[in-house]
PDB file of N, CA and C in Angstrom:
ATOM      1  N   UNK A   1       9.323  -5.745  15.953  1.00  0.00           N
ATOM      2  CA  UNK A   1      10.365  -5.767  14.946  1.00  0.00           C
ATOM      3  C   UNK A   1      11.451  -6.739  15.406  1.00  0.00           C
ATOM      4  N   UNK A   2      11.800  -7.645  14.540  1.00  0.00           N
ATOM      5  CA  UNK A   2      12.876  -8.593  14.825  1.00  0.00           C
ATOM      6  C   UNK A   2      14.180  -8.020  14.278  1.00  0.00           C
ATOM      7  N   UNK A   3      15.153  -7.706  15.138  1.00  0.00           N
ATOM      8  CA  UNK A   3      16.411  -7.092  14.672  1.00  0.00           C
ATOM      9  C   UNK A   3      17.121  -7.881  13.581  1.00  0.00           C
ATOM     10  N   UNK A   4      16.919  -9.187  13.537  1.00  0.00           N
ATOM     11  CA  UNK A   4      17.580 -10.001  12.515  1.00  0.00           C
ATOM     12  C   UNK A   4      17.027  -9.716  11.121  1.00  0.00           C
ATOM     13  N   UNK A   5      15.817  -9.164  11.032  1.00  0.00           N
ATOM     14  CA  UNK A   5      15.178  -8.878   9.755  1.00  0.00           C
ATOM     15  C   UNK A   5      15.323  -7.432   9.314  1.00  0.00           C
ATOM     16  N   UNK A   6      16.136  -6.657  10.017  1.00  0.00           N
ATOM     17  CA  UNK A   6      16.260  -5.230   9.738  1.00  0.00           C
ATOM     18  C   UNK A   6      17.549  -4.906   9.005  1.00  0.00           C
ATOM     19  N   UNK A   7      17.523  -3.760   8.323  1.00  0.00           N
ATOM     20  CA  UNK A   7      18.661  -3.302   7.527  1.00  0.00           C
ATOM     21  C   UNK A   7      19.086  -1.923   8.028  1.00  0.00           C
ATOM     22  N   UNK A   8      20.389  -1.713   8.154  1.00  0.00           N
ATOM     23  CA  UNK A   8      20.927  -0.420   8.581  1.00  0.00           C
ATOM     24  C   UNK A   8      20.786   0.574   7.433  1.00  0.00           C
ATOM     25  N   UNK A   9      20.111   1.695   7.704  1.00  0.00           N
ATOM     26  CA  UNK A   9      19.981   2.740   6.690  1.00  0.00           C
ATOM     27  C   UNK A   9      20.915   3.910   6.951  1.00  0.00           C
ATOM     28  N   UNK A  10      21.395   4.033   8.182  1.00  0.00           N
ATOM     29  CA  UNK A  10      22.323   5.121   8.481  1.00  0.00           C
ATOM     30  C   UNK A  10      23.029   4.840   9.808  1.00  0.00           C
ATOM     31  N   UNK A  11      24.239   5.406   9.926  1.00  0.00           N
ATOM     32  CA  UNK A  11      25.022   5.306  11.151  1.00  0.00           C
ATOM     33  C   UNK A  11      25.282   6.723  11.641  1.00  0.00           C
ATOM     34  N   UNK A  12      25.201   6.905  12.949  1.00  0.00           N
ATOM     35  CA  UNK A  12      25.339   8.230  13.548  1.00  0.00           C
ATOM     36  C   UNK A  12      26.426   8.223  14.610  1.00  0.00           C
ATOM     37  N   UNK A  13      26.969   9.389  14.874  1.00  0.00           N
ATOM     38  CA  UNK A  13      28.020   9.521  15.888  1.00  0.00           C
ATOM     39  C   UNK A  13      27.486   9.341  17.295  1.00  0.00           C
ATOM     40  N   UNK A  14      26.214   9.637  17.497  1.00  0.00           N
ATOM     41  CA  UNK A  14      25.641   9.529  18.834  1.00  0.00           C
ATOM     42  C   UNK A  14      24.215   8.992  18.762  1.00  0.00           C
ATOM     43  N   UNK A  15      23.753   8.480  19.881  1.00  0.00           N
ATOM     44  CA  UNK A  15      22.371   8.001  19.925  1.00  0.00           C
ATOM     45  C   UNK A  15      21.396   9.166  19.839  1.00  0.00           C
ATOM     46  N   UNK A  16      21.815  10.338  20.295  1.00  0.00           N
ATOM     47  CA  UNK A  16      20.947  11.518  20.196  1.00  0.00           C
ATOM     48  C   UNK A  16      20.669  11.839  18.734  1.00  0.00           C
ATOM     49  N   UNK A  17      21.707  11.845  17.890  1.00  0.00           N
ATOM     50  CA  UNK A  17      21.509  12.096  16.459  1.00  0.00           C
ATOM     51  C   UNK A  17      20.610  11.020  15.848  1.00  0.00           C
ATOM     52  N   UNK A  18      20.822   9.776  16.248  1.00  0.00           N
ATOM     53  CA  UNK A  18      20.001   8.680  15.733  1.00  0.00           C
ATOM     54  C   UNK A  18      18.546   8.838  16.162  1.00  0.00           C
ATOM     55  N   UNK A  19      18.317   9.289  17.381  1.00  0.00           N
ATOM     56  CA  UNK A  19      16.948   9.486  17.871  1.00  0.00           C
ATOM     57  C   UNK A  19      16.245  10.601  17.103  1.00  0.00           C
ATOM     58  N   UNK A  20      16.971  11.638  16.754  1.00  0.00           N
ATOM     59  CA  UNK A  20      16.386  12.727  15.964  1.00  0.00           C
ATOM     60  C   UNK A  20      16.001  12.214  14.580  1.00  0.00           C
ATOM     61  N   UNK A  21      16.893  11.448  13.945  1.00  0.00           N
ATOM     62  CA  UNK A  21      16.586  10.875  12.625  1.00  0.00           C
ATOM     63  C   UNK A  21      15.437   9.884  12.726  1.00  0.00           C
ATOM     64  N   UNK A  22      15.387   9.117  13.804  1.00  0.00           N
ATOM     65  CA  UNK A  22      14.280   8.184  14.013  1.00  0.00           C
ATOM     66  C   UNK A  22      12.960   8.945  14.068  1.00  0.00           C
ATOM     67  N   UNK A  23      12.979  10.112  14.686  1.00  0.00           N
ATOM     68  CA  UNK A  23      11.790  10.956  14.734  1.00  0.00           C
ATOM     69  C   UNK A  23      11.329  11.358  13.343  1.00  0.00           C
ATOM     70  N   UNK A  24      12.285  11.641  12.452  1.00  0.00           N
ATOM     71  CA  UNK A  24      11.933  11.976  11.065  1.00  0.00           C
ATOM     72  C   UNK A  24      11.288  10.776  10.380  1.00  0.00           C
ATOM     73  N   UNK A  25      11.826   9.578  10.633  1.00  0.00           N
ATOM     74  CA  UNK A  25      11.231   8.369  10.060  1.00  0.00           C
ATOM     75  C   UNK A  25       9.845   8.129  10.650  1.00  0.00           C
ATOM     76  N   UNK A  26       9.700   8.324  11.947  1.00  0.00           N
ATOM     77  CA  UNK A  26       8.387   8.168  12.589  1.00  0.00           C
ATOM     78  C   UNK A  26       7.368   9.100  11.942  1.00  0.00           C
ATOM     79  N   UNK A  27       7.761  10.350  11.718  1.00  0.00           N
ATOM     80  CA  UNK A  27       6.867  11.331  11.091  1.00  0.00           C
ATOM     81  C   UNK A  27       6.454  10.903   9.685  1.00  0.00           C
ATOM     82  N   UNK A  28       7.339  10.160   9.005  1.00  0.00           N
ATOM     83  CA  UNK A  28       7.047   9.682   7.651  1.00  0.00           C
ATOM     84  C   UNK A  28       6.291   8.352   7.672  1.00  0.00           C
ATOM     85  N   UNK A  29       5.991   7.846   8.865  1.00  0.00           N
ATOM     86  CA  UNK A  29       5.247   6.600   8.984  1.00  0.00           C
ATOM     87  C   UNK A  29       6.100   5.353   8.814  1.00  0.00           C
ATOM     88  N   UNK A  30       7.407   5.492   9.008  1.00  0.00           N
ATOM     89  CA  UNK A  30       8.326   4.366   8.853  1.00  0.00           C
ATOM     90  C   UNK A  30       8.761   3.896  10.236  1.00  0.00           C
ATOM     91  N   UNK A  31       8.459   2.654  10.548  1.00  0.00           N
ATOM     92  CA  UNK A  31       8.869   2.082  11.821  1.00  0.00           C
ATOM     93  C   UNK A  31      10.364   1.789  11.770  1.00  0.00           C
ATOM     94  N   UNK A  32      11.083   2.117  12.839  1.00  0.00           N
ATOM     95  CA  UNK A  32      12.525   1.908  12.875  1.00  0.00           C
ATOM     96  C   UNK A  32      12.972   1.609  14.298  1.00  0.00           C
ATOM     97  N   UNK A  33      14.234   1.227  14.417  1.00  0.00           N
ATOM     98  CA  UNK A  33      14.810   1.041  15.739  1.00  0.00           C
ATOM     99  C   UNK A  33      16.269   1.448  15.704  1.00  0.00           C
ATOM    100  N   UNK A  34      16.794   1.781  16.877  1.00  0.00           N
ATOM    101  CA  UNK A  34      18.186   2.198  17.027  1.00  0.00           C
ATOM    102  C   UNK A  34      18.963   1.081  17.696  1.00  0.00           C
ATOM    103  N   UNK A  35      20.136   0.790  17.128  1.00  0.00           N
ATOM    104  CA  UNK A  35      21.031  -0.199  17.731  1.00  0.00           C
ATOM    105  C   UNK A  35      22.318   0.528  18.125  1.00  0.00           C
ATOM    106  N   UNK A  36      22.669   0.392  19.406  1.00  0.00           N
ATOM    107  CA  UNK A  36      23.850   1.072  19.927  1.00  0.00           C
ATOM    108  C   UNK A  36      24.440   0.236  21.044  1.00  0.00           C
ATOM    109  N   UNK A  37      25.748   0.310  21.198  1.00  0.00           N
ATOM    110  CA  UNK A  37      26.401  -0.396  22.292  1.00  0.00           C
ATOM    111  C   UNK A  37      27.450   0.502  22.920  1.00  0.00           C
ATOM    112  N   UNK A  38      27.075   1.110  24.031  1.00  0.00           N
ATOM    113  CA  UNK A  38      28.030   1.929  24.778  1.00  0.00           C
ATOM    114  C   UNK A  38      28.150   1.395  26.197  1.00  0.00           C
ATOM    115  N   UNK A  39      27.982   0.092  26.329  1.00  0.00           N
ATOM    116  CA  UNK A  39      28.085  -0.588  27.623  1.00  0.00           C
ATOM    117  C   UNK A  39      27.099  -0.016  28.635  1.00  0.00           C
ATOM    118  N   UNK A  40      25.869   0.154  28.183  1.00  0.00           N
ATOM    119  CA  UNK A  40      24.837   0.654  29.085  1.00  0.00           C
ATOM    120  C   UNK A  40      25.063   2.064  29.580  1.00  0.00           C
ATOM    121  N   UNK A  41      25.763   2.869  28.801  1.00  0.00           N
ATOM    122  CA  UNK A  41      26.040   4.253  29.168  1.00  0.00           C
ATOM    123  C   UNK A  41      27.344   4.447  29.921  1.00  0.00           C
ATOM    124  N   UNK A  42      28.040   3.346  30.192  1.00  0.00           N
ATOM    125  CA  UNK A  42      29.303   3.451  30.931  1.00  0.00           C
ATOM    126  C   UNK A  42      30.416   4.056  30.091  1.00  0.00           C
ATOM    127  N   UNK A  43      30.327   3.917  28.759  1.00  0.00           N
ATOM    128  CA  UNK A  43      31.359   4.424  27.858  1.00  0.00           C
ATOM    129  C   UNK A  43      30.732   5.327  26.791  1.00  0.00           C
ATOM    130  N   UNK A  44      30.313   6.523  27.177  1.00  0.00           N
ATOM    131  CA  UNK A  44      29.640   7.401  26.211  1.00  0.00           C
ATOM    132  C   UNK A  44      30.515   7.806  25.033  1.00  0.00           C
ATOM    133  N   UNK A  45      31.839   7.695  25.165  1.00  0.00           N
ATOM    134  CA  UNK A  45      32.731   8.060  24.059  1.00  0.00           C
ATOM    135  C   UNK A  45      32.570   7.123  22.875  1.00  0.00           C
ATOM    136  N   UNK A  46      32.059   5.923  23.103  1.00  0.00           N
ATOM    137  CA  UNK A  46      31.823   4.985  21.993  1.00  0.00           C
ATOM    138  C   UNK A  46      30.326   4.888  21.732  1.00  0.00           C
ATOM    139  N   UNK A  47      29.705   6.035  21.642  1.00  0.00           N
ATOM    140  CA  UNK A  47      28.246   6.137  21.587  1.00  0.00           C
ATOM    141  C   UNK A  47      27.695   6.178  20.172  1.00  0.00           C
ATOM    142  N   UNK A  48      28.337   5.507  19.205  1.00  0.00           N
ATOM    143  CA  UNK A  48      27.801   5.472  17.856  1.00  0.00           C
ATOM    144  C   UNK A  48      26.494   4.683  17.832  1.00  0.00           C
ATOM    145  N   UNK A  49      25.674   4.925  16.821  1.00  0.00           N
ATOM    146  CA  UNK A  49      24.381   4.256  16.742  1.00  0.00           C
ATOM    147  C   UNK A  49      24.010   3.998  15.295  1.00  0.00           C
ATOM    148  N   UNK A  50      23.287   2.902  15.077  1.00  0.00           N
ATOM    149  CA  UNK A  50      22.783   2.550  13.755  1.00  0.00           C
ATOM    150  C   UNK A  50      21.259   2.663  13.775  1.00  0.00           C
ATOM    151  N   UNK A  51      20.715   3.130  12.671  1.00  0.00           N
ATOM    152  CA  UNK A  51      19.276   3.239  12.507  1.00  0.00           C
ATOM    153  C   UNK A  51      18.836   2.143  11.546  1.00  0.00           C
ATOM    154  N   UNK A  52      17.917   1.299  11.979  1.00  0.00           N
ATOM    155  CA  UNK A  52      17.497   0.135  11.206  1.00  0.00           C
ATOM    156  C   UNK A  52      16.026   0.204  10.847  1.00  0.00           C
ATOM    157  N   UNK A  53      15.697  -0.304   9.650  1.00  0.00           N
ATOM    158  CA  UNK A  53      14.310  -0.376   9.191  1.00  0.00           C
ATOM    159  C   UNK A  53      14.070  -1.729   8.527  1.00  0.00           C
ATOM    160  N   UNK A  54      12.810  -2.038   8.284  1.00  0.00           N
ATOM    161  CA  UNK A  54      12.453  -3.251   7.545  1.00  0.00           C
ATOM    162  C   UNK A  54      12.920  -3.130   6.097  1.00  0.00           C
ATOM    163  N   UNK A  55      13.202  -4.262   5.489  1.00  0.00           N
ATOM    164  CA  UNK A  55      13.691  -4.282   4.104  1.00  0.00           C
ATOM    165  C   UNK A  55      12.749  -3.542   3.162  1.00  0.00           C
ATOM    166  N   UNK A  56      11.454  -3.704   3.360  1.00  0.00           N
ATOM    167  CA  UNK A  56      10.499  -3.061   2.449  1.00  0.00           C
ATOM    168  C   UNK A  56      10.431  -1.546   2.622  1.00  0.00           C
ATOM    169  N   UNK A  57      11.021  -1.015   3.686  1.00  0.00           N
ATOM    170  CA  UNK A  57      11.006   0.428   3.932  1.00  0.00           C
ATOM    171  C   UNK A  57      12.332   1.117   3.609  1.00  0.00           C
ATOM    172  N   UNK A  58      13.322   0.357   3.137  1.00  0.00           N
ATOM    173  CA  UNK A  58      14.669   0.910   2.940  1.00  0.00           C
ATOM    174  C   UNK A  58      14.667   2.083   1.968  1.00  0.00           C
ATOM    175  N   UNK A  59      14.030   1.943   0.829  1.00  0.00           N
ATOM    176  CA  UNK A  59      14.062   3.009  -0.183  1.00  0.00           C
ATOM    177  C   UNK A  59      13.451   4.302   0.358  1.00  0.00           C
ATOM    178  N   UNK A  60      12.272   4.216   0.941  1.00  0.00           N
ATOM    179  CA  UNK A  60      11.618   5.406   1.483  1.00  0.00           C
ATOM    180  C   UNK A  60      12.425   5.982   2.656  1.00  0.00           C
ATOM    181  N   UNK A  61      12.970   5.106   3.501  1.00  0.00           N
ATOM    182  CA  UNK A  61      13.776   5.558   4.639  1.00  0.00           C
ATOM    183  C   UNK A  61      15.021   6.293   4.160  1.00  0.00           C
ATOM    184  N   UNK A  62      15.659   5.783   3.118  1.00  0.00           N
ATOM    185  CA  UNK A  62      16.851   6.454   2.576  1.00  0.00           C
ATOM    186  C   UNK A  62      16.504   7.851   2.075  1.00  0.00           C
ATOM    187  N   UNK A  63      15.331   8.005   1.457  1.00  0.00           N
ATOM    188  CA  UNK A  63      14.900   9.324   0.984  1.00  0.00           C
ATOM    189  C   UNK A  63      14.710  10.277   2.168  1.00  0.00           C
ATOM    190  N   UNK A  64      14.057   9.788   3.223  1.00  0.00           N
ATOM    191  CA  UNK A  64      13.820  10.619   4.407  1.00  0.00           C
ATOM    192  C   UNK A  64      15.143  10.988   5.069  1.00  0.00           C
ATOM    193  N   UNK A  65      16.051  10.029   5.220  1.00  0.00           N
ATOM    194  CA  UNK A  65      17.344  10.283   5.847  1.00  0.00           C
ATOM    195  C   UNK A  65      18.164  11.265   5.008  1.00  0.00           C
ATOM    196  N   UNK A  66      18.117  11.122   3.687  1.00  0.00           N
ATOM    197  CA  UNK A  66      18.835  12.056   2.805  1.00  0.00           C
ATOM    198  C   UNK A  66      18.304  13.480   3.008  1.00  0.00           C
ATOM    199  N   UNK A  67      16.988  13.621   3.040  1.00  0.00           N
ATOM    200  CA  UNK A  67      16.393  14.930   3.263  1.00  0.00           C
ATOM    201  C   UNK A  67      16.754  15.452   4.659  1.00  0.00           C
ATOM    202  N   UNK A  68      16.684  14.579   5.644  1.00  0.00           N
ATOM    203  CA  UNK A  68      17.048  14.945   7.025  1.00  0.00           C
ATOM    204  C   UNK A  68      18.473  15.466   7.080  1.00  0.00           C
ATOM    205  N   UNK A  69      19.420  14.756   6.450  1.00  0.00           N
ATOM    206  CA  UNK A  69      20.830  15.154   6.463  1.00  0.00           C
ATOM    207  C   UNK A  69      21.076  16.451   5.699  1.00  0.00           C
ATOM    208  N   UNK A  70      20.254  16.724   4.685  1.00  0.00           N
ATOM    209  CA  UNK A  70      20.466  17.943   3.893  1.00  0.00           C
ATOM    210  C   UNK A  70      19.982  19.210   4.604  1.00  0.00           C
ATOM    211  N   UNK A  71      19.058  19.082   5.553  1.00  0.00           N
ATOM    212  CA  UNK A  71      18.542  20.262   6.253  1.00  0.00           C
ATOM    213  C   UNK A  71      19.086  20.397   7.670  1.00  0.00           C
ATOM    214  N   UNK A  72      19.773  19.398   8.143  1.00  0.00           N
ATOM    215  CA  UNK A  72      20.289  19.399   9.520  1.00  0.00           C
ATOM    216  C   UNK A  72      21.575  20.216   9.574  1.00  0.00           C
ATOM    217  N   UNK A  73      21.702  21.088  10.573  1.00  0.00           N
ATOM    218  CA  UNK A  73      22.948  21.861  10.722  1.00  0.00           C
ATOM    219  C   UNK A  73      24.100  20.947  11.164  1.00  0.00           C
ATOM    220  N   UNK A  74      25.289  21.248  10.696  1.00  0.00           N
ATOM    221  CA  UNK A  74      26.483  20.458  11.055  1.00  0.00           C
ATOM    222  C   UNK A  74      26.963  20.811  12.431  1.00  0.00           C
TER     223      UNK A  74
END
């Protein structure tokens, strides 16, 4: 996957939340990747993460993420 060709489908407060959502996309057969910059773990307080997919998978990924967010506890 070339990051330049990917689209952000969701942003998360932590990489852990993004990894869980990525698992939901994986289960749905959607390839994705997580983009995060916390200085290699040195600054975990700025641990936000973006979940990216290919343009052709955006619609299906949005459906999966919407379902994921509706069943996930706050």
